[in-house]
Amino acid sequence: MFIFRQMADKYLFNSAGIIKNGECFEAALERAVADILYFSPKFYFDSPNLINWSMVKKIQKEVGYE
């Protein structure tokens, strides 16, 4: 059993916080945090002090999550 979530294309294809690594694209930590908060606004983070929250807010605004 698994959980499946699908993000709207307008968010999924927004490049804010996405890093190109060779031929692959990967989310920066702050983009990954913004994405999980899109799905679960009350998500608990074990080490919130490792996250740049001002960058998360910036990405959320740029992507359109707010």
Foldseek 3Di string as FASTA:
>chain_A
DDDDDDDDPLLVPDCQQWDDDPPDIDGDPLSVVLVVCLVPVPDDDPCCVVYPVVSNVVSCVVSVSD
